[in-house]
């Protein structure tokens, strides 16, 4: 498959994901939103498999774990009652955030596997992408875990508010930006 065709199909897949999110915002359009999401993911998976130039044991591992994840997710989704669907979505969403963090860490530790360069010689754009992926993934993971706990009734549903919260959030944001800049300059995983 040509790189241009692959890029076009990935773009189409991304557009389908956006349409899926829009469709899932309303009960009347949720079925159509699900179909958009399924179509987008199917296109992305097929293109990814067609782009692979040689089939190796790693490719077999991807197929095995993709199948296992699909089967486990389907079994869980079918066993959960409709009234617990928000908790299920929050739980699955936390796994998406965790996956983003793990992919970013893997790409940083083994950049040659992702065609990003070599250890200590990774492109700045790739480092920024990895850093943002890890940061946003970590925020998604922690927020989704809290959402699950609140929806399940394990944690109080009232908002978590404390004095200086906005200042702390701002400082964390600044620390993330400083850490990304430091990582791009030094390519070292530790700050201190």
C-alpha atoms as a PDB file:
ATOM      1  CA  UNK A   1       0.000   0.000   0.000  1.00  0.00           C
ATOM      2  CA  UNK A   2       1.359   3.406  -0.937  1.00  0.00           C
ATOM      3  CA  UNK A   3       2.142   5.842   1.899  1.00  0.00           C
ATOM      4  CA  UNK A   4      -0.248   8.425   0.399  1.00  0.00           C
ATOM      5  CA  UNK A   5      -3.152   5.972   0.331  1.00  0.00           C
ATOM      6  CA  UNK A   6      -2.373   4.876   3.897  1.00  0.00           C
ATOM      7  CA  UNK A   7      -2.288   8.505   5.071  1.00  0.00           C
ATOM      8  CA  UNK A   8      -5.600   9.199   3.318  1.00  0.00           C
ATOM      9  CA  UNK A   9      -7.240   6.153   4.904  1.00  0.00           C
ATOM     10  CA  UNK A  10      -5.909   7.122   8.349  1.00  0.00           C
ATOM     11  CA  UNK A  11      -7.373  10.595   7.813  1.00  0.00           C
ATOM     12  CA  UNK A  12     -10.712   9.043   6.832  1.00  0.00           C
ATOM     13  CA  UNK A  13     -10.529   6.891   9.951  1.00  0.00           C
ATOM     14  CA  UNK A  14      -9.917   9.973  12.094  1.00  0.00           C
ATOM     15  CA  UNK A  15     -12.897  11.743  10.533  1.00  0.00           C
ATOM     16  CA  UNK A  16     -15.058   8.702  11.294  1.00  0.00           C
ATOM     17  CA  UNK A  17     -13.904   8.857  14.944  1.00  0.00           C
ATOM     18  CA  UNK A  18     -14.934  12.514  15.124  1.00  0.00           C
ATOM     19  CA  UNK A  19     -18.319  11.650  13.617  1.00  0.00           C
ATOM     20  CA  UNK A  20     -18.611   8.813  16.145  1.00  0.00           C
ATOM     21  CA  UNK A  21     -18.081  11.200  19.050  1.00  0.00           C
ATOM     22  CA  UNK A  22     -20.655  13.567  17.609  1.00  0.00           C
ATOM     23  CA  UNK A  23     -23.134  10.728  17.109  1.00  0.00           C
ATOM     24  CA  UNK A  24     -22.615   9.379  20.615  1.00  0.00           C
ATOM     25  CA  UNK A  25     -23.597  12.733  22.125  1.00  0.00           C
ATOM     26  CA  UNK A  26     -27.306  11.988  21.700  1.00  0.00           C
ATOM     27  CA  UNK A  27     -29.396   8.842  22.285  1.00  0.00           C
ATOM     28  CA  UNK A  28     -31.156   9.383  18.941  1.00  0.00           C
ATOM     29  CA  UNK A  29     -27.890   9.280  16.961  1.00  0.00           C
ATOM     30  CA  UNK A  30     -25.891   6.892  19.159  1.00  0.00           C
ATOM     31  CA  UNK A  31     -26.437   3.859  16.918  1.00  0.00           C
ATOM     32  CA  UNK A  32     -25.075   5.788  13.933  1.00  0.00           C
ATOM     33  CA  UNK A  33     -22.205   7.069  16.108  1.00  0.00           C
ATOM     34  CA  UNK A  34     -21.295   3.508  17.050  1.00  0.00           C
ATOM     35  CA  UNK A  35     -21.279   2.489  13.384  1.00  0.00           C
ATOM     36  CA  UNK A  36     -18.970   5.407  12.543  1.00  0.00           C
ATOM     37  CA  UNK A  37     -16.624   4.411  15.371  1.00  0.00           C
ATOM     38  CA  UNK A  38     -16.589   0.748  14.375  1.00  0.00           C
ATOM     39  CA  UNK A  39     -15.937   1.657  10.729  1.00  0.00           C
ATOM     40  CA  UNK A  40     -13.125   4.052  11.654  1.00  0.00           C
ATOM     41  CA  UNK A  41     -11.409   1.489  13.866  1.00  0.00           C
ATOM     42  CA  UNK A  42     -11.815  -1.263  11.270  1.00  0.00           C
ATOM     43  CA  UNK A  43     -10.220   0.925   8.589  1.00  0.00           C
ATOM     44  CA  UNK A  44      -7.352   1.882  10.932  1.00  0.00           C
ATOM     45  CA  UNK A  45      -6.646  -1.743  11.869  1.00  0.00           C
ATOM     46  CA  UNK A  46      -6.779  -3.018   8.272  1.00  0.00           C
ATOM     47  CA  UNK A  47      -4.506  -0.216   7.014  1.00  0.00           C
ATOM     48  CA  UNK A  48      -2.047  -0.859   9.845  1.00  0.00           C
ATOM     49  CA  UNK A  49      -1.857  -4.535   8.949  1.00  0.00           C
ATOM     50  CA  UNK A  50      -1.473  -3.759   5.232  1.00  0.00           C
ATOM     51  CA  UNK A  51       1.323  -1.259   5.886  1.00  0.00           C
ATOM     52  CA  UNK A  52       3.415  -3.900   7.680  1.00  0.00           C
ATOM     53  CA  UNK A  53       6.053  -4.988   5.194  1.00  0.00           C
ATOM     54  CA  UNK A  54       6.994  -8.297   6.753  1.00  0.00           C
ATOM     55  CA  UNK A  55       5.066 -10.579   9.037  1.00  0.00           C
ATOM     56  CA  UNK A  56       7.052 -11.549  12.098  1.00  0.00           C
ATOM     57  CA  UNK A  57       6.311 -13.129  15.440  1.00  0.00           C
ATOM     58  CA  UNK A  58       5.516  -9.643  16.777  1.00  0.00           C
ATOM     59  CA  UNK A  59       2.729  -9.392  14.202  1.00  0.00           C
ATOM     60  CA  UNK A  60       1.296 -12.669  15.494  1.00  0.00           C
ATOM     61  CA  UNK A  61       1.454 -11.273  19.055  1.00  0.00           C
ATOM     62  CA  UNK A  62      -0.513  -8.223  17.927  1.00  0.00           C
ATOM     63  CA  UNK A  63      -3.203 -10.456  16.410  1.00  0.00           C
ATOM     64  CA  UNK A  64      -3.370 -12.639  19.529  1.00  0.00           C
ATOM     65  CA  UNK A  65      -3.644  -9.746  21.971  1.00  0.00           C
ATOM     66  CA  UNK A  66      -6.033  -7.785  19.750  1.00  0.00           C
ATOM     67  CA  UNK A  67      -8.303 -10.836  19.583  1.00  0.00           C
ATOM     68  CA  UNK A  68      -7.998 -11.492  23.323  1.00  0.00           C
ATOM     69  CA  UNK A  69      -8.817  -7.875  24.160  1.00  0.00           C
ATOM     70  CA  UNK A  70     -11.806  -7.895  21.841  1.00  0.00           C
ATOM     71  CA  UNK A  71     -13.153 -11.119  23.303  1.00  0.00           C
ATOM     72  CA  UNK A  72     -12.630 -10.045  26.926  1.00  0.00           C
ATOM     73  CA  UNK A  73     -14.153  -6.616  26.262  1.00  0.00           C
ATOM     74  CA  UNK A  74     -17.162  -8.163  24.529  1.00  0.00           C
ATOM     75  CA  UNK A  75     -17.787 -10.634  27.355  1.00  0.00           C
ATOM     76  CA  UNK A  76     -17.575  -7.858  29.952  1.00  0.00           C
ATOM     77  CA  UNK A  77     -19.818  -5.545  27.921  1.00  0.00           C
ATOM     78  CA  UNK A  78     -22.505  -8.211  27.463  1.00  0.00           C
ATOM     79  CA  UNK A  79     -22.523  -9.179  31.163  1.00  0.00           C
ATOM     80  CA  UNK A  80     -22.849  -5.618  32.476  1.00  0.00           C
ATOM     81  CA  UNK A  81     -26.440  -4.403  32.970  1.00  0.00           C
ATOM     82  CA  UNK A  82     -27.467  -1.243  31.120  1.00  0.00           C
ATOM     83  CA  UNK A  83     -27.707   0.653  34.405  1.00  0.00           C
ATOM     84  CA  UNK A  84     -23.968   0.119  34.959  1.00  0.00           C
ATOM     85  CA  UNK A  85     -22.966   1.246  31.461  1.00  0.00           C
ATOM     86  CA  UNK A  86     -21.502   4.604  32.612  1.00  0.00           C
ATOM     87  CA  UNK A  87     -19.139   2.787  34.990  1.00  0.00           C
ATOM     88  CA  UNK A  88     -18.145   0.392  32.221  1.00  0.00           C
ATOM     89  CA  UNK A  89     -17.378   3.269  29.860  1.00  0.00           C
ATOM     90  CA  UNK A  90     -15.329   5.030  32.560  1.00  0.00           C
ATOM     91  CA  UNK A  91     -13.429   1.811  33.284  1.00  0.00           C
ATOM     92  CA  UNK A  92     -12.658   1.160  29.626  1.00  0.00           C
ATOM     93  CA  UNK A  93     -11.743   4.824  29.140  1.00  0.00           C
ATOM     94  CA  UNK A  94      -9.190   4.561  31.956  1.00  0.00           C
ATOM     95  CA  UNK A  95      -7.569   1.673  30.085  1.00  0.00           C
ATOM     96  CA  UNK A  96      -7.315   3.844  26.959  1.00  0.00           C
ATOM     97  CA  UNK A  97      -5.427   6.477  28.964  1.00  0.00           C
ATOM     98  CA  UNK A  98      -3.148   3.836  30.468  1.00  0.00           C
ATOM     99  CA  UNK A  99      -2.475   2.409  26.995  1.00  0.00           C
ATOM    100  CA  UNK A 100      -1.444   5.870  25.755  1.00  0.00           C
ATOM    101  CA  UNK A 101       1.036   6.177  28.631  1.00  0.00           C
ATOM    102  CA  UNK A 102       2.480   2.710  27.995  1.00  0.00           C
ATOM    103  CA  UNK A 103       2.828   3.312  24.250  1.00  0.00           C
ATOM    104  CA  UNK A 104       4.635   6.607  24.904  1.00  0.00           C
ATOM    105  CA  UNK A 105       7.008   4.946  27.377  1.00  0.00           C
ATOM    106  CA  UNK A 106       7.652   2.083  24.950  1.00  0.00           C
ATOM    107  CA  UNK A 107       8.354   4.508  22.107  1.00  0.00           C
ATOM    108  CA  UNK A 108      10.824   6.428  24.273  1.00  0.00           C
ATOM    109  CA  UNK A 109      12.660   3.334  25.523  1.00  0.00           C
ATOM    110  CA  UNK A 110      12.716   1.556  22.131  1.00  0.00           C
ATOM    111  CA  UNK A 111      12.466   4.311  19.478  1.00  0.00           C
ATOM    112  CA  UNK A 112      13.971   2.109  16.760  1.00  0.00           C
ATOM    113  CA  UNK A 113      10.932  -0.197  16.944  1.00  0.00           C
ATOM    114  CA  UNK A 114       8.695   2.783  16.103  1.00  0.00           C
ATOM    115  CA  UNK A 115      11.097   4.170  13.449  1.00  0.00           C
ATOM    116  CA  UNK A 116      11.660   7.291  15.558  1.00  0.00           C
ATOM    117  CA  UNK A 117      15.453   7.143  15.682  1.00  0.00           C
ATOM    118  CA  UNK A 118      17.716   5.603  18.274  1.00  0.00           C
ATOM    119  CA  UNK A 119      17.985   5.953  22.044  1.00  0.00           C
ATOM    120  CA  UNK A 120      19.387   9.419  22.745  1.00  0.00           C
ATOM    121  CA  UNK A 121      18.741  10.554  19.166  1.00  0.00           C
ATOM    122  CA  UNK A 122      14.972  10.927  18.820  1.00  0.00           C
ATOM    123  CA  UNK A 123      13.406  13.697  16.744  1.00  0.00           C
ATOM    124  CA  UNK A 124      12.095  16.628  18.791  1.00  0.00           C
ATOM    125  CA  UNK A 125       8.618  16.376  17.243  1.00  0.00           C
ATOM    126  CA  UNK A 126       8.448  12.712  18.268  1.00  0.00           C
ATOM    127  CA  UNK A 127       9.555  13.553  21.815  1.00  0.00           C
ATOM    128  CA  UNK A 128       6.854  16.218  22.077  1.00  0.00           C
ATOM    129  CA  UNK A 129       4.269  13.778  20.737  1.00  0.00           C
ATOM    130  CA  UNK A 130       5.351  11.084  23.219  1.00  0.00           C
ATOM    131  CA  UNK A 131       5.337  13.549  26.105  1.00  0.00           C
ATOM    132  CA  UNK A 132       1.892  14.885  25.285  1.00  0.00           C
ATOM    133  CA  UNK A 133       0.591  11.342  24.796  1.00  0.00           C
ATOM    134  CA  UNK A 134       1.932  10.280  28.186  1.00  0.00           C
ATOM    135  CA  UNK A 135       0.671  13.436  29.925  1.00  0.00           C
ATOM    136  CA  UNK A 136      -2.810  13.384  28.413  1.00  0.00           C
ATOM    137  CA  UNK A 137      -3.006   9.612  28.883  1.00  0.00           C
ATOM    138  CA  UNK A 138      -2.092   9.907  32.575  1.00  0.00           C
ATOM    139  CA  UNK A 139      -4.697  12.631  33.109  1.00  0.00           C
ATOM    140  CA  UNK A 140      -7.289  10.533  31.247  1.00  0.00           C
ATOM    141  CA  UNK A 141      -6.424   7.453  33.311  1.00  0.00           C
ATOM    142  CA  UNK A 142      -6.636   9.179  36.685  1.00  0.00           C
ATOM    143  CA  UNK A 143      -9.775  11.139  35.781  1.00  0.00           C
ATOM    144  CA  UNK A 144     -11.536   8.046  34.460  1.00  0.00           C
ATOM    145  CA  UNK A 145     -10.653   6.039  37.573  1.00  0.00           C
ATOM    146  CA  UNK A 146     -12.165   8.791  39.733  1.00  0.00           C
ATOM    147  CA  UNK A 147     -15.245   8.891  37.468  1.00  0.00           C
ATOM    148  CA  UNK A 148     -15.629   5.111  37.806  1.00  0.00           C
ATOM    149  CA  UNK A 149     -15.311   5.274  41.600  1.00  0.00           C
ATOM    150  CA  UNK A 150     -17.896   8.073  41.805  1.00  0.00           C
ATOM    151  CA  UNK A 151     -20.344   6.350  39.452  1.00  0.00           C
ATOM    152  CA  UNK A 152     -19.965   3.065  41.320  1.00  0.00           C
ATOM    153  CA  UNK A 153     -20.678   4.836  44.632  1.00  0.00           C
ATOM    154  CA  UNK A 154     -17.292   3.922  46.114  1.00  0.00           C
ATOM    155  CA  UNK A 155     -16.311   7.588  46.262  1.00  0.00           C
ATOM    156  CA  UNK A 156     -18.494  10.605  47.029  1.00  0.00           C
ATOM    157  CA  UNK A 157     -20.072  12.149  43.938  1.00  0.00           C
ATOM    158  CA  UNK A 158     -19.402  15.687  45.114  1.00  0.00           C
ATOM    159  CA  UNK A 159     -16.599  17.602  43.387  1.00  0.00           C
ATOM    160  CA  UNK A 160     -13.106  17.480  44.873  1.00  0.00           C
ATOM    161  CA  UNK A 161     -12.360  21.110  45.681  1.00  0.00           C
ATOM    162  CA  UNK A 162      -9.688  22.560  47.941  1.00  0.00           C
ATOM    163  CA  UNK A 163      -8.013  25.897  48.565  1.00  0.00           C
ATOM    164  CA  UNK A 164      -5.272  26.595  46.023  1.00  0.00           C
ATOM    165  CA  UNK A 165      -6.554  23.995  43.569  1.00  0.00           C
ATOM    166  CA  UNK A 166      -6.184  26.262  40.531  1.00  0.00           C
ATOM    167  CA  UNK A 167      -2.685  27.291  41.591  1.00  0.00           C
ATOM    168  CA  UNK A 168      -1.704  23.631  42.002  1.00  0.00           C
ATOM    169  CA  UNK A 169      -3.168  22.776  38.581  1.00  0.00           C
ATOM    170  CA  UNK A 170      -1.242  25.678  37.038  1.00  0.00           C
ATOM    171  CA  UNK A 171       1.996  24.540  38.690  1.00  0.00           C
ATOM    172  CA  UNK A 172       1.445  20.986  37.449  1.00  0.00           C
ATOM    173  CA  UNK A 173       0.851  22.344  33.927  1.00  0.00           C
ATOM    174  CA  UNK A 174       4.070  24.389  34.117  1.00  0.00           C
ATOM    175  CA  UNK A 175       5.968  21.340  35.432  1.00  0.00           C
ATOM    176  CA  UNK A 176       4.684  19.263  32.503  1.00  0.00           C
ATOM    177  CA  UNK A 177       5.806  21.902  29.974  1.00  0.00           C
ATOM    178  CA  UNK A 178       9.229  22.280  31.661  1.00  0.00           C
ATOM    179  CA  UNK A 179       9.624  18.490  31.736  1.00  0.00           C
ATOM    180  CA  UNK A 180       8.785  18.232  28.023  1.00  0.00           C
ATOM    181  CA  UNK A 181      11.289  20.970  27.149  1.00  0.00           C
ATOM    182  CA  UNK A 182      13.961  19.309  29.319  1.00  0.00           C
ATOM    183  CA  UNK A 183      13.253  15.924  27.726  1.00  0.00           C
ATOM    184  CA  UNK A 184      13.547  17.409  24.228  1.00  0.00           C
ATOM    185  CA  UNK A 185      16.871  19.055  25.065  1.00  0.00           C
ATOM    186  CA  UNK A 186      18.503  16.263  27.072  1.00  0.00           C
ATOM    187  CA  UNK A 187      16.595  13.135  25.959  1.00  0.00           C
ATOM    188  CA  UNK A 188      17.064  11.857  29.510  1.00  0.00           C
ATOM    189  CA  UNK A 189      14.045  10.280  31.216  1.00  0.00           C
ATOM    190  CA  UNK A 190      14.735  11.731  34.683  1.00  0.00           C
ATOM    191  CA  UNK A 191      14.486  15.382  35.702  1.00  0.00           C
ATOM    192  CA  UNK A 192      16.941  15.318  38.606  1.00  0.00           C
END
